[in-house]
Amino acid sequence: MDINEIGSKVFEGKIVRKDLVSKIKGGANVPVYVLEYLLGMYCNQTDEDSIEEGMLKVKKYLQKIMFVLMKQKK
């Protein structure tokens, strides 16, 4: 077991990969702490497949919220 796996188990749901924040932040007009919270919820695994799946969930969630906000502005 390496240090990343140990840290992930001890601090489950509280570790955020900052590189994922920058990947998603490009198109989203959302505060960074919101992205970090969502990534902590959905991308807290160590394997890449789970991380990709979590990133898709975060992107879909952000799209849904942006759609609702745009609808409210009209």
PDB file of N, CA and C in Angstrom:
ATOM      1  N   MET A   1       0.846  -1.173   0.000  1.00  0.00           N
ATOM      2  CA  MET A   1       0.000   0.000   0.000  1.00  0.00           C
ATOM      3  C   MET A   1       0.898   1.245   0.000  1.00  0.00           C
ATOM      4  N   ASP A   2       0.644   2.164  -0.935  1.00  0.00           N
ATOM      5  CA  ASP A   2       1.462   3.373  -0.972  1.00  0.00           C
ATOM      6  C   ASP A   2       0.792   4.498  -0.180  1.00  0.00           C
ATOM      7  N   ILE A   3       1.483   5.598  -0.071  1.00  0.00           N
ATOM      8  CA  ILE A   3       1.036   6.712   0.771  1.00  0.00           C
ATOM      9  C   ILE A   3      -0.274   7.321   0.268  1.00  0.00           C
ATOM     10  N   ASN A   4      -0.473   7.345  -1.054  1.00  0.00           N
ATOM     11  CA  ASN A   4      -1.712   7.901  -1.599  1.00  0.00           C
ATOM     12  C   ASN A   4      -2.923   7.062  -1.221  1.00  0.00           C
ATOM     13  N   GLU A   5      -2.771   5.753  -1.248  1.00  0.00           N
ATOM     14  CA  GLU A   5      -3.877   4.868  -0.878  1.00  0.00           C
ATOM     15  C   GLU A   5      -4.203   4.989   0.610  1.00  0.00           C
ATOM     16  N   ILE A   6      -3.170   5.085   1.429  1.00  0.00           N
ATOM     17  CA  ILE A   6      -3.386   5.241   2.872  1.00  0.00           C
ATOM     18  C   ILE A   6      -4.106   6.561   3.154  1.00  0.00           C
ATOM     19  N   GLY A   7      -3.620   7.631   2.534  1.00  0.00           N
ATOM     20  CA  GLY A   7      -4.253   8.937   2.724  1.00  0.00           C
ATOM     21  C   GLY A   7      -5.695   8.956   2.251  1.00  0.00           C
ATOM     22  N   SER A   8      -5.964   8.281   1.134  1.00  0.00           N
ATOM     23  CA  SER A   8      -7.330   8.225   0.610  1.00  0.00           C
ATOM     24  C   SER A   8      -8.270   7.489   1.549  1.00  0.00           C
ATOM     25  N   LYS A   9      -7.770   6.446   2.192  1.00  0.00           N
ATOM     26  CA  LYS A   9      -8.621   5.698   3.118  1.00  0.00           C
ATOM     27  C   LYS A   9      -8.858   6.468   4.412  1.00  0.00           C
ATOM     28  N   VAL A  10      -7.815   7.103   4.920  1.00  0.00           N
ATOM     29  CA  VAL A  10      -7.939   7.834   6.183  1.00  0.00           C
ATOM     30  C   VAL A  10      -8.796   9.094   6.009  1.00  0.00           C
ATOM     31  N   PHE A  11      -8.584   9.810   4.914  1.00  0.00           N
ATOM     32  CA  PHE A  11      -9.284  11.075   4.677  1.00  0.00           C
ATOM     33  C   PHE A  11     -10.288  10.952   3.537  1.00  0.00           C
ATOM     34  N   GLU A  12     -11.047   9.881   3.521  1.00  0.00           N
ATOM     35  CA  GLU A  12     -11.992   9.629   2.438  1.00  0.00           C
ATOM     36  C   GLU A  12     -12.988  10.779   2.292  1.00  0.00           C
ATOM     37  N   GLY A  13     -13.103  11.282   1.059  1.00  0.00           N
ATOM     38  CA  GLY A  13     -14.025  12.376   0.770  1.00  0.00           C
ATOM     39  C   GLY A  13     -13.483  13.752   1.071  1.00  0.00           C
ATOM     40  N   LYS A  14     -12.248  13.829   1.565  1.00  0.00           N
ATOM     41  CA  LYS A  14     -11.681  15.121   1.942  1.00  0.00           C
ATOM     42  C   LYS A  14     -10.445  15.487   1.124  1.00  0.00           C
ATOM     43  N   ILE A  15      -9.978  14.584   0.299  1.00  0.00           N
ATOM     44  CA  ILE A  15      -8.803  14.843  -0.528  1.00  0.00           C
ATOM     45  C   ILE A  15      -9.272  15.315  -1.898  1.00  0.00           C
ATOM     46  N   VAL A  16      -8.701  16.428  -2.358  1.00  0.00           N
ATOM     47  CA  VAL A  16      -9.056  16.984  -3.659  1.00  0.00           C
ATOM     48  C   VAL A  16      -7.801  17.077  -4.505  1.00  0.00           C
ATOM     49  N   ARG A  17      -7.885  16.527  -5.695  1.00  0.00           N
ATOM     50  CA  ARG A  17      -6.772  16.660  -6.634  1.00  0.00           C
ATOM     51  C   ARG A  17      -6.902  17.999  -7.345  1.00  0.00           C
ATOM     52  N   LYS A  18      -5.950  18.878  -7.112  1.00  0.00           N
ATOM     53  CA  LYS A  18      -6.015  20.230  -7.658  1.00  0.00           C
ATOM     54  C   LYS A  18      -5.915  20.242  -9.180  1.00  0.00           C
ATOM     55  N   ASP A  19      -5.275  19.233  -9.767  1.00  0.00           N
ATOM     56  CA  ASP A  19      -5.194  19.191 -11.223  1.00  0.00           C
ATOM     57  C   ASP A  19      -6.572  18.985 -11.847  1.00  0.00           C
ATOM     58  N   LEU A  20      -7.459  18.292 -11.152  1.00  0.00           N
ATOM     59  CA  LEU A  20      -8.817  18.099 -11.661  1.00  0.00           C
ATOM     60  C   LEU A  20      -9.611  19.397 -11.596  1.00  0.00           C
ATOM     61  N   VAL A  21      -9.347  20.209 -10.587  1.00  0.00           N
ATOM     62  CA  VAL A  21     -10.023  21.505 -10.471  1.00  0.00           C
ATOM     63  C   VAL A  21      -9.701  22.359 -11.683  1.00  0.00           C
ATOM     64  N   SER A  22      -8.439  22.398 -12.078  1.00  0.00           N
ATOM     65  CA  SER A  22      -8.050  23.224 -13.220  1.00  0.00           C
ATOM     66  C   SER A  22      -8.613  22.685 -14.529  1.00  0.00           C
ATOM     67  N   LYS A  23      -8.803  21.371 -14.633  1.00  0.00           N
ATOM     68  CA  LYS A  23      -9.393  20.799 -15.848  1.00  0.00           C
ATOM     69  C   LYS A  23     -10.850  21.214 -16.006  1.00  0.00           C
ATOM     70  N   ILE A  24     -11.580  21.250 -14.923  1.00  0.00           N
ATOM     71  CA  ILE A  24     -13.001  21.578 -14.991  1.00  0.00           C
ATOM     72  C   ILE A  24     -13.222  23.085 -14.966  1.00  0.00           C
ATOM     73  N   LYS A  25     -12.381  23.821 -14.277  1.00  0.00           N
ATOM     74  CA  LYS A  25     -12.563  25.259 -14.076  1.00  0.00           C
ATOM     75  C   LYS A  25     -12.578  26.025 -15.394  1.00  0.00           C
ATOM     76  N   GLY A  26     -11.916  25.519 -16.417  1.00  0.00           N
ATOM     77  CA  GLY A  26     -11.808  26.217 -17.689  1.00  0.00           C
ATOM     78  C   GLY A  26     -13.123  26.726 -18.240  1.00  0.00           C
ATOM     79  N   GLY A  27     -14.166  25.921 -18.201  1.00  0.00           N
ATOM     80  CA  GLY A  27     -15.424  26.334 -18.799  1.00  0.00           C
ATOM     81  C   GLY A  27     -16.498  26.715 -17.804  1.00  0.00           C
ATOM     82  N   ALA A  28     -16.252  26.522 -16.543  1.00  0.00           N
ATOM     83  CA  ALA A  28     -17.299  26.754 -15.545  1.00  0.00           C
ATOM     84  C   ALA A  28     -17.070  28.070 -14.815  1.00  0.00           C
ATOM     85  N   ASN A  29     -18.140  28.835 -14.685  1.00  0.00           N
ATOM     86  CA  ASN A  29     -18.075  30.087 -13.938  1.00  0.00           C
ATOM     87  C   ASN A  29     -18.565  29.821 -12.513  1.00  0.00           C
ATOM     88  N   VAL A  30     -17.773  29.040 -11.795  1.00  0.00           N
ATOM     89  CA  VAL A  30     -18.131  28.560 -10.461  1.00  0.00           C
ATOM     90  C   VAL A  30     -16.946  28.812  -9.536  1.00  0.00           C
ATOM     91  N   PRO A  31     -17.183  29.202  -8.294  1.00  0.00           N
ATOM     92  CA  PRO A  31     -16.065  29.366  -7.357  1.00  0.00           C
ATOM     93  C   PRO A  31     -15.275  28.064  -7.183  1.00  0.00           C
ATOM     94  N   VAL A  32     -13.990  28.197  -6.960  1.00  0.00           N
ATOM     95  CA  VAL A  32     -13.111  27.037  -6.841  1.00  0.00           C
ATOM     96  C   VAL A  32     -13.527  26.149  -5.677  1.00  0.00           C
ATOM     97  N   TYR A  33     -13.966  26.747  -4.574  1.00  0.00           N
ATOM     98  CA  TYR A  33     -14.333  25.919  -3.421  1.00  0.00           C
ATOM     99  C   TYR A  33     -15.539  25.028  -3.721  1.00  0.00           C
ATOM    100  N   VAL A  34     -16.416  25.460  -4.622  1.00  0.00           N
ATOM    101  CA  VAL A  34     -17.549  24.623  -5.024  1.00  0.00           C
ATOM    102  C   VAL A  34     -17.048  23.438  -5.836  1.00  0.00           C
ATOM    103  N   LEU A  35     -16.137  23.703  -6.768  1.00  0.00           N
ATOM    104  CA  LEU A  35     -15.552  22.611  -7.554  1.00  0.00           C
ATOM    105  C   LEU A  35     -14.804  21.634  -6.662  1.00  0.00           C
ATOM    106  N   GLU A  36     -14.060  22.155  -5.700  1.00  0.00           N
ATOM    107  CA  GLU A  36     -13.322  21.275  -4.790  1.00  0.00           C
ATOM    108  C   GLU A  36     -14.268  20.400  -3.981  1.00  0.00           C
ATOM    109  N   TYR A  37     -15.377  20.965  -3.557  1.00  0.00           N
ATOM    110  CA  TYR A  37     -16.363  20.185  -2.803  1.00  0.00           C
ATOM    111  C   TYR A  37     -16.936  19.065  -3.669  1.00  0.00           C
ATOM    112  N   LEU A  38     -17.336  19.402  -4.891  1.00  0.00           N
ATOM    113  CA  LEU A  38     -17.911  18.398  -5.788  1.00  0.00           C
ATOM    114  C   LEU A  38     -16.892  17.321  -6.149  1.00  0.00           C
ATOM    115  N   LEU A  39     -15.664  17.729  -6.413  1.00  0.00           N
ATOM    116  CA  LEU A  39     -14.625  16.747  -6.737  1.00  0.00           C
ATOM    117  C   LEU A  39     -14.308  15.873  -5.535  1.00  0.00           C
ATOM    118  N   GLY A  40     -14.346  16.443  -4.351  1.00  0.00           N
ATOM    119  CA  GLY A  40     -14.136  15.647  -3.146  1.00  0.00           C
ATOM    120  C   GLY A  40     -15.225  14.608  -2.954  1.00  0.00           C
ATOM    121  N   MET A  41     -16.437  14.944  -3.383  1.00  0.00           N
ATOM    122  CA  MET A  41     -17.550  14.001  -3.263  1.00  0.00           C
ATOM    123  C   MET A  41     -17.484  12.904  -4.316  1.00  0.00           C
ATOM    124  N   TYR A  42     -17.189  13.271  -5.561  1.00  0.00           N
ATOM    125  CA  TYR A  42     -17.312  12.331  -6.669  1.00  0.00           C
ATOM    126  C   TYR A  42     -15.995  11.762  -7.184  1.00  0.00           C
ATOM    127  N   CYS A  43     -14.876  12.383  -6.887  1.00  0.00           N
ATOM    128  CA  CYS A  43     -13.584  11.933  -7.429  1.00  0.00           C
ATOM    129  C   CYS A  43     -12.600  11.612  -6.315  1.00  0.00           C
ATOM    130  N   ASN A  44     -13.046  10.943  -5.277  1.00  0.00           N
ATOM    131  CA  ASN A  44     -12.168  10.686  -4.138  1.00  0.00           C
ATOM    132  C   ASN A  44     -11.531   9.304  -4.179  1.00  0.00           C
ATOM    133  N   GLN A  45     -11.591   8.624  -5.310  1.00  0.00           N
ATOM    134  CA  GLN A  45     -10.957   7.316  -5.459  1.00  0.00           C
ATOM    135  C   GLN A  45      -9.542   7.490  -6.002  1.00  0.00           C
ATOM    136  N   THR A  46      -8.779   6.411  -6.019  1.00  0.00           N
ATOM    137  CA  THR A  46      -7.413   6.489  -6.533  1.00  0.00           C
ATOM    138  C   THR A  46      -7.278   5.928  -7.939  1.00  0.00           C
ATOM    139  N   ASP A  47      -8.240   5.129  -8.397  1.00  0.00           N
ATOM    140  CA  ASP A  47      -8.107   4.573  -9.748  1.00  0.00           C
ATOM    141  C   ASP A  47      -8.688   5.545 -10.774  1.00  0.00           C
ATOM    142  N   GLU A  48      -8.069   5.571 -11.942  1.00  0.00           N
ATOM    143  CA  GLU A  48      -8.401   6.563 -12.966  1.00  0.00           C
ATOM    144  C   GLU A  48      -9.814   6.399 -13.527  1.00  0.00           C
ATOM    145  N   ASP A  49     -10.315   5.174 -13.608  1.00  0.00           N
ATOM    146  CA  ASP A  49     -11.670   4.965 -14.131  1.00  0.00           C
ATOM    147  C   ASP A  49     -12.714   5.623 -13.235  1.00  0.00           C
ATOM    148  N   SER A  50     -12.564   5.473 -11.940  1.00  0.00           N
ATOM    149  CA  SER A  50     -13.500   6.097 -10.998  1.00  0.00           C
ATOM    150  C   SER A  50     -13.391   7.613 -11.042  1.00  0.00           C
ATOM    151  N   ILE A  51     -12.189   8.106 -11.227  1.00  0.00           N
ATOM    152  CA  ILE A  51     -11.985   9.552 -11.301  1.00  0.00           C
ATOM    153  C   ILE A  51     -12.649  10.121 -12.550  1.00  0.00           C
ATOM    154  N   GLU A  52     -12.488   9.444 -13.688  1.00  0.00           N
ATOM    155  CA  GLU A  52     -13.125   9.902 -14.924  1.00  0.00           C
ATOM    156  C   GLU A  52     -14.647   9.885 -14.793  1.00  0.00           C
ATOM    157  N   GLU A  53     -15.166   8.839 -14.187  1.00  0.00           N
ATOM    158  CA  GLU A  53     -16.608   8.736 -13.966  1.00  0.00           C
ATOM    159  C   GLU A  53     -17.092   9.869 -13.056  1.00  0.00           C
ATOM    160  N   GLY A  54     -16.332  10.160 -12.019  1.00  0.00           N
ATOM    161  CA  GLY A  54     -16.679  11.249 -11.114  1.00  0.00           C
ATOM    162  C   GLY A  54     -16.624  12.604 -11.790  1.00  0.00           C
ATOM    163  N   MET A  55     -15.631  12.799 -12.660  1.00  0.00           N
ATOM    164  CA  MET A  55     -15.532  14.068 -13.383  1.00  0.00           C
ATOM    165  C   MET A  55     -16.731  14.264 -14.303  1.00  0.00           C
ATOM    166  N   LEU A  56     -17.185  13.189 -14.926  1.00  0.00           N
ATOM    167  CA  LEU A  56     -18.378  13.288 -15.768  1.00  0.00           C
ATOM    168  C   LEU A  56     -19.598  13.680 -14.939  1.00  0.00           C
ATOM    169  N   LYS A  57     -19.715  13.122 -13.748  1.00  0.00           N
ATOM    170  CA  LYS A  57     -20.832  13.478 -12.865  1.00  0.00           C
ATOM    171  C   LYS A  57     -20.777  14.954 -12.483  1.00  0.00           C
ATOM    172  N   VAL A  58     -19.582  15.436 -12.166  1.00  0.00           N
ATOM    173  CA  VAL A  58     -19.422  16.846 -11.787  1.00  0.00           C
ATOM    174  C   VAL A  58     -19.772  17.751 -12.963  1.00  0.00           C
ATOM    175  N   LYS A  59     -19.297  17.409 -14.152  1.00  0.00           N
ATOM    176  CA  LYS A  59     -19.587  18.224 -15.335  1.00  0.00           C
ATOM    177  C   LYS A  59     -21.084  18.255 -15.634  1.00  0.00           C
ATOM    178  N   LYS A  60     -21.745  17.109 -15.533  1.00  0.00           N
ATOM    179  CA  LYS A  60     -23.192  17.068 -15.773  1.00  0.00           C
ATOM    180  C   LYS A  60     -23.939  17.889 -14.730  1.00  0.00           C
ATOM    181  N   TYR A  61     -23.507  17.803 -13.489  1.00  0.00           N
ATOM    182  CA  TYR A  61     -24.132  18.569 -12.412  1.00  0.00           C
ATOM    183  C   TYR A  61     -23.984  20.069 -12.670  1.00  0.00           C
ATOM    184  N   LEU A  62     -22.790  20.488 -13.072  1.00  0.00           N
ATOM    185  CA  LEU A  62     -22.558  21.906 -13.350  1.00  0.00           C
ATOM    186  C   LEU A  62     -23.384  22.375 -14.542  1.00  0.00           C
ATOM    187  N   GLN A  63     -23.500  21.534 -15.566  1.00  0.00           N
ATOM    188  CA  GLN A  63     -24.319  21.898 -16.723  1.00  0.00           C
ATOM    189  C   GLN A  63     -25.776  22.080 -16.322  1.00  0.00           C
ATOM    190  N   LYS A  64     -26.261  21.197 -15.472  1.00  0.00           N
ATOM    191  CA  LYS A  64     -27.648  21.281 -15.017  1.00  0.00           C
ATOM    192  C   LYS A  64     -27.873  22.576 -14.235  1.00  0.00           C
ATOM    193  N   ILE A  65     -26.940  22.910 -13.364  1.00  0.00           N
ATOM    194  CA  ILE A  65     -27.070  24.132 -12.565  1.00  0.00           C
ATOM    195  C   ILE A  65     -27.002  25.370 -13.454  1.00  0.00           C
ATOM    196  N   MET A  66     -26.084  25.379 -14.407  1.00  0.00           N
ATOM    197  CA  MET A  66     -25.961  26.528 -15.306  1.00  0.00           C
ATOM    198  C   MET A  66     -27.230  26.702 -16.137  1.00  0.00           C
ATOM    199  N   PHE A  67     -27.824  25.588 -16.557  1.00  0.00           N
ATOM    200  CA  PHE A  67     -29.071  25.656 -17.318  1.00  0.00           C
ATOM    201  C   PHE A  67     -30.172  26.298 -16.482  1.00  0.00           C
ATOM    202  N   VAL A  68     -30.283  25.891 -15.238  1.00  0.00           N
ATOM    203  CA  VAL A  68     -31.309  26.444 -14.348  1.00  0.00           C
ATOM    204  C   VAL A  68     -31.057  27.931 -14.110  1.00  0.00           C
ATOM    205  N   LEU A  69     -29.809  28.307 -13.895  1.00  0.00           N
ATOM    206  CA  LEU A  69     -29.490  29.720 -13.660  1.00  0.00           C
ATOM    207  C   LEU A  69     -29.794  30.571 -14.886  1.00  0.00           C
ATOM    208  N   MET A  70     -29.476  30.062 -16.062  1.00  0.00           N
ATOM    209  CA  MET A  70     -29.756  30.806 -17.290  1.00  0.00           C
ATOM    210  C   MET A  70     -31.266  30.946 -17.500  1.00  0.00           C
ATOM    211  N   LYS A  71     -31.999  29.920 -17.146  1.00  0.00           N
ATOM    212  CA  LYS A  71     -33.452  29.948 -17.286  1.00  0.00           C
ATOM    213  C   LYS A  71     -34.061  30.976 -16.332  1.00  0.00           C
ATOM    214  N   GLN A  72     -33.495  31.100 -15.134  1.00  0.00           N
ATOM    215  CA  GLN A  72     -34.007  32.055 -14.151  1.00  0.00           C
ATOM    216  C   GLN A  72     -33.728  33.497 -14.562  1.00  0.00           C
ATOM    217  N   LYS A  73     -32.642  33.724 -15.292  1.00  0.00           N
ATOM    218  CA  LYS A  73     -32.300  35.082 -15.711  1.00  0.00           C
ATOM    219  C   LYS A  73     -33.277  35.623 -16.746  1.00  0.00           C
ATOM    220  N   LYS A  74     -33.899  34.736 -17.502  1.00  0.00           N
ATOM    221  CA  LYS A  74     -34.815  35.186 -18.563  1.00  0.00           C
ATOM    222  C   LYS A  74     -36.107  35.669 -18.035  1.00  0.00           C
TER     223      LYS A  74
END
